[in-house]
Amino acid sequence: MPRTQELIYAVVGAGDFTVEKVRDLRTLADLKQTEQVYNDFVTRGRTISKRIQNSAPSKTAVAQTKSARSQVKAAATSVRKAVRADLTATTAAAKKSVKA
């Protein structure tokens, strides 16, 4: 079976699974139960988010991003200064050749 077709089947299957789970949630008509499920999701989300934020790979990625950002800024400044210097030198050379 082609890989593309498998992907489509997987998406359709995931959609069916989601619909099935949503139908199961209808049994949670009790507001108190629904709030509890919601609060459990919030707690889970916070826990996962904190775990990711505090992981060593995430901290390394943040540090590398900061370093790369400052290097790009420095490179942009250097290029800007070089362009200005080149423009100044070209203008001065043009003025000298016009006088001569």
Protein backbone atom coordinates (compact mmCIF):
# COMPACT_ATOMS: atom_id res chain seq x y z
CA MET A 1 0.00 0.00 0.00
CA PRO A 2 1.44 3.41 -0.90
CA ARG A 3 2.67 5.55 1.96
CA THR A 4 0.32 8.42 1.03
CA GLN A 5 -2.69 6.15 1.26
CA GLU A 6 -1.56 4.92 4.68
CA LEU A 7 -1.28 8.52 5.86
CA ILE A 8 -4.82 9.28 4.74
CA TYR A 9 -6.10 6.17 6.53
CA ALA A 10 -4.24 7.21 9.67
CA VAL A 11 -5.82 10.69 9.60
CA VAL A 12 -9.30 9.21 9.06
CA GLY A 13 -8.72 6.72 11.87
CA ALA A 14 -7.57 9.47 14.23
CA GLY A 15 -10.66 11.50 13.38
CA ASP A 16 -12.93 8.52 14.07
CA PHE A 17 -11.17 7.91 17.37
CA THR A 18 -11.67 11.56 18.34
CA VAL A 19 -15.38 11.43 17.50
CA GLU A 20 -15.71 8.27 19.58
CA LYS A 21 -14.06 9.93 22.57
CA VAL A 22 -16.24 13.04 22.22
CA ARG A 23 -19.32 10.83 22.26
CA ASP A 24 -18.02 9.26 25.47
CA LEU A 25 -17.67 12.73 26.99
CA ARG A 26 -21.42 13.26 26.65
CA THR A 27 -21.82 11.00 29.65
CA LEU A 28 -20.02 13.69 31.65
CA ALA A 29 -23.13 15.84 31.63
CA ASP A 30 -22.69 16.48 35.30
CA LEU A 31 -21.06 19.91 35.60
CA LYS A 32 -19.01 18.92 38.62
CA GLN A 33 -17.49 15.95 36.79
CA THR A 34 -16.81 18.08 33.72
CA GLU A 35 -15.00 20.70 35.80
CA GLN A 36 -12.92 17.97 37.42
CA VAL A 37 -11.89 16.59 34.03
CA TYR A 38 -11.02 20.12 32.86
CA ASN A 39 -8.97 20.79 35.98
CA ASP A 40 -7.16 17.48 35.50
CA PHE A 41 -6.27 18.51 31.93
CA VAL A 42 -4.98 21.88 33.18
CA THR A 43 -2.86 20.17 35.84
CA ARG A 44 -1.47 17.73 33.30
CA GLY A 45 -0.67 20.52 30.87
CA ARG A 46 1.13 22.54 33.53
CA THR A 47 3.14 19.51 34.64
CA ILE A 48 4.23 18.67 31.09
CA SER A 49 5.02 22.30 30.33
CA LYS A 50 7.17 22.67 33.45
CA ARG A 51 8.95 19.40 32.71
CA ILE A 52 9.81 20.62 29.22
CA GLN A 53 10.91 24.06 30.46
CA ASN A 54 13.16 22.58 33.11
CA SER A 55 14.70 19.88 30.92
CA ALA A 56 18.37 20.19 30.06
CA PRO A 57 17.82 20.06 26.27
CA SER A 58 15.32 22.93 26.46
CA LYS A 59 17.67 25.05 28.54
CA THR A 60 20.51 24.30 26.12
CA ALA A 61 18.32 25.26 23.16
CA VAL A 62 17.35 28.56 24.81
CA ALA A 63 20.99 29.38 25.54
CA GLN A 64 22.05 28.53 21.98
CA THR A 65 19.23 30.64 20.58
CA LYS A 66 20.31 33.64 22.66
CA SER A 67 23.91 33.19 21.55
CA ALA A 68 22.92 32.87 17.89
CA ARG A 69 20.70 35.95 18.16
CA SER A 70 23.55 38.08 19.50
CA GLN A 71 25.92 36.74 16.82
CA VAL A 72 23.43 37.64 14.09
CA LYS A 73 23.03 41.12 15.56
CA ALA A 74 26.80 41.59 15.64
CA ALA A 75 27.12 40.38 12.04
CA ALA A 76 24.39 42.76 10.91
CA THR A 77 26.15 45.65 12.63
CA SER A 78 29.47 44.71 11.02
CA VAL A 79 27.88 44.51 7.57
CA ARG A 80 26.14 47.86 8.07
CA LYS A 81 29.44 49.51 9.10
CA ALA A 82 31.28 47.93 6.16
CA VAL A 83 28.65 49.20 3.71
CA ARG A 84 28.86 52.70 5.16
CA ALA A 85 32.66 52.65 5.00
CA ASP A 86 32.54 51.41 1.40
CA LEU A 87 30.04 54.12 0.50
CA THR A 88 32.22 56.78 2.11
CA ALA A 89 35.34 55.50 0.32
CA THR A 90 33.51 55.33 -3.02
CA THR A 91 32.15 58.85 -2.61
CA ALA A 92 35.60 60.19 -1.70
CA ALA A 93 37.20 58.42 -4.69
CA ALA A 94 34.51 59.78 -7.01
CA LYS A 95 35.09 63.33 -5.76
CA LYS A 96 38.85 63.00 -6.26
CA SER A 97 38.49 61.69 -9.80
CA VAL A 98 36.06 64.50 -10.68
CA LYS A 99 38.57 67.12 -9.43
CA ALA A 100 41.41 65.57 -11.41
